[in-house]
Amino acid sequence: MRSYIAHLGLGKKFLGKTNRHRDASGLIEHCDSTLWFVVLWFPAFPIATYTVRRHLERWWGGISASHETPVERHPCNWEQILLTWIKAMLTLWVIVLLLRHPAWLGYLLKRLSRIS
């Protein structure tokens, strides 16, 4: 699915994952994910839910995933769609809060520097 203009945050993108499982080698992952039309990196509206296959690569002790390949289309998973919208709205709310009240950002950065 290469219809995503990353530098503009516009296009179609898979968001949300349920029913995740890996094959025996641990290098291929299957999950159910919803294809979204995104605007400025935020989900605008869901298009469809698919079973998606991702090839995983191990390097530097971590796992890197390739792009998602849709395998099978399913009816929309409205629970996953609602959860994705809630997460997006909470993220947007935090961004707006930090931009409107920059003192909070300074406070959070001080707290984080004490922890580490």
Protein backbone atom coordinates (compact mmCIF):
# COMPACT_ATOMS: atom_id res chain seq x y z
CA MET A 1 0.00 0.00 0.00
CA ARG A 2 2.17 2.86 -1.23
CA SER A 3 -0.47 5.58 -1.48
CA TYR A 4 0.80 7.61 1.45
CA ILE A 5 2.59 10.92 0.97
CA ALA A 6 4.68 10.82 4.15
CA HIS A 7 6.08 14.34 4.00
CA LEU A 8 2.54 15.77 3.75
CA GLY A 9 0.85 13.27 6.08
CA LEU A 10 -1.83 12.63 3.47
CA GLY A 11 -3.10 9.35 2.02
CA LYS A 12 -4.02 5.84 3.13
CA LYS A 13 -2.36 4.15 6.10
CA PHE A 14 -2.97 1.05 8.22
CA LEU A 15 -3.64 1.92 11.87
CA GLY A 16 -4.55 -0.29 14.83
CA LYS A 17 -3.70 -3.94 15.29
CA THR A 18 -5.74 -6.80 16.73
CA ASN A 19 -5.35 -10.59 16.60
CA ARG A 20 -1.57 -10.32 16.25
CA HIS A 21 0.40 -13.51 15.78
CA ARG A 22 3.79 -14.48 14.33
CA ASP A 23 4.82 -17.56 12.43
CA ALA A 24 7.23 -20.12 13.91
CA SER A 25 10.32 -18.30 12.59
CA GLY A 26 9.17 -15.02 14.15
CA LEU A 27 9.87 -13.17 10.89
CA ILE A 28 6.30 -12.84 9.57
CA GLU A 29 3.47 -11.24 11.52
CA HIS A 30 -0.24 -11.36 10.72
CA CYS A 31 -2.77 -9.02 12.31
CA ASP A 32 -6.11 -7.38 11.63
CA SER A 33 -5.68 -3.69 10.86
CA THR A 34 -7.90 -0.90 9.53
CA LEU A 35 -6.96 1.07 6.44
CA TRP A 36 -7.54 4.79 7.08
CA PHE A 37 -7.49 7.92 4.99
CA VAL A 38 -5.21 10.23 6.97
CA VAL A 39 -4.86 14.00 6.87
CA LEU A 40 -1.88 15.61 8.61
CA TRP A 41 -1.02 12.17 10.06
CA PHE A 42 -4.40 11.90 11.85
CA PRO A 43 -7.07 9.36 10.88
CA ALA A 44 -9.92 11.10 9.04
CA PHE A 45 -12.13 8.15 8.12
CA PRO A 46 -11.81 4.35 7.95
CA ILE A 47 -11.83 2.66 4.56
CA ALA A 48 -11.80 -1.08 5.36
CA THR A 49 -10.41 -3.68 7.77
CA TYR A 50 -7.92 -6.24 6.47
CA THR A 51 -5.80 -9.12 7.67
CA VAL A 52 -2.33 -7.74 7.06
CA ARG A 53 1.04 -9.49 6.67
CA ARG A 54 4.27 -7.78 7.68
CA HIS A 55 7.78 -9.12 7.21
CA LEU A 56 9.95 -8.47 10.27
CA GLU A 57 13.70 -7.96 10.25
CA ARG A 58 15.98 -8.18 13.25
CA TRP A 59 18.91 -5.81 13.58
CA TRP A 60 20.68 -4.11 16.46
CA GLY A 61 18.68 -6.16 18.95
CA GLY A 62 15.37 -4.74 17.75
CA ILE A 63 12.73 -5.63 15.22
CA SER A 64 11.99 -3.53 12.16
CA ALA A 65 8.81 -4.10 10.15
CA SER A 66 8.39 -3.75 6.42
CA HIS A 67 5.28 -2.24 4.86
CA GLU A 68 1.97 -3.98 5.38
CA THR A 69 0.54 -6.25 2.70
CA PRO A 70 -3.25 -6.78 2.81
CA VAL A 71 -4.19 -10.46 2.66
CA GLU A 72 -7.94 -10.61 3.26
CA ARG A 73 -10.70 -8.01 3.63
CA HIS A 74 -13.12 -8.17 6.58
CA PRO A 75 -16.15 -6.19 7.75
CA CYS A 76 -15.09 -3.01 9.55
CA ASN A 77 -13.95 -3.58 13.13
CA TRP A 78 -15.83 -0.70 14.80
CA GLU A 79 -14.26 -1.32 18.21
CA GLN A 80 -10.79 -0.87 16.70
CA ILE A 81 -11.97 2.18 14.73
CA LEU A 82 -13.38 3.84 17.86
CA LEU A 83 -10.20 3.10 19.81
CA THR A 84 -8.06 4.60 17.01
CA TRP A 85 -10.19 7.77 16.97
CA ILE A 86 -9.97 8.08 20.76
CA LYS A 87 -6.17 7.73 20.69
CA ALA A 88 -5.92 10.29 17.88
CA MET A 89 -8.13 12.80 19.72
CA LEU A 90 -6.16 12.35 22.97
CA THR A 91 -2.90 12.88 21.08
CA LEU A 92 -4.30 16.01 19.42
CA TRP A 93 -5.56 17.27 22.79
CA VAL A 94 -2.10 16.83 24.38
CA ILE A 95 -0.42 18.63 21.45
CA VAL A 96 -2.86 21.55 21.67
CA LEU A 97 -2.46 21.68 25.46
CA LEU A 98 1.33 21.83 25.21
CA LEU A 99 1.22 24.48 22.47
CA ARG A 100 -1.27 26.68 24.33
CA HIS A 101 0.51 26.34 27.68
CA PRO A 102 4.26 26.06 26.99
CA ALA A 103 5.01 26.26 30.73
CA TRP A 104 3.70 22.67 30.98
CA LEU A 105 6.27 21.57 28.44
CA GLY A 106 9.08 23.11 30.50
CA TYR A 107 7.72 21.47 33.64
CA LEU A 108 7.51 18.06 31.94
CA LEU A 109 11.04 18.35 30.54
CA LYS A 110 12.40 19.20 34.01
CA ARG A 111 10.60 16.20 35.52
CA LEU A 112 11.90 13.89 32.81
CA SER A 113 15.47 15.11 33.23
CA ARG A 114 15.29 14.31 36.97
CA ILE A 115 14.08 10.78 36.26
CA SER A 116 16.88 9.92 33.84
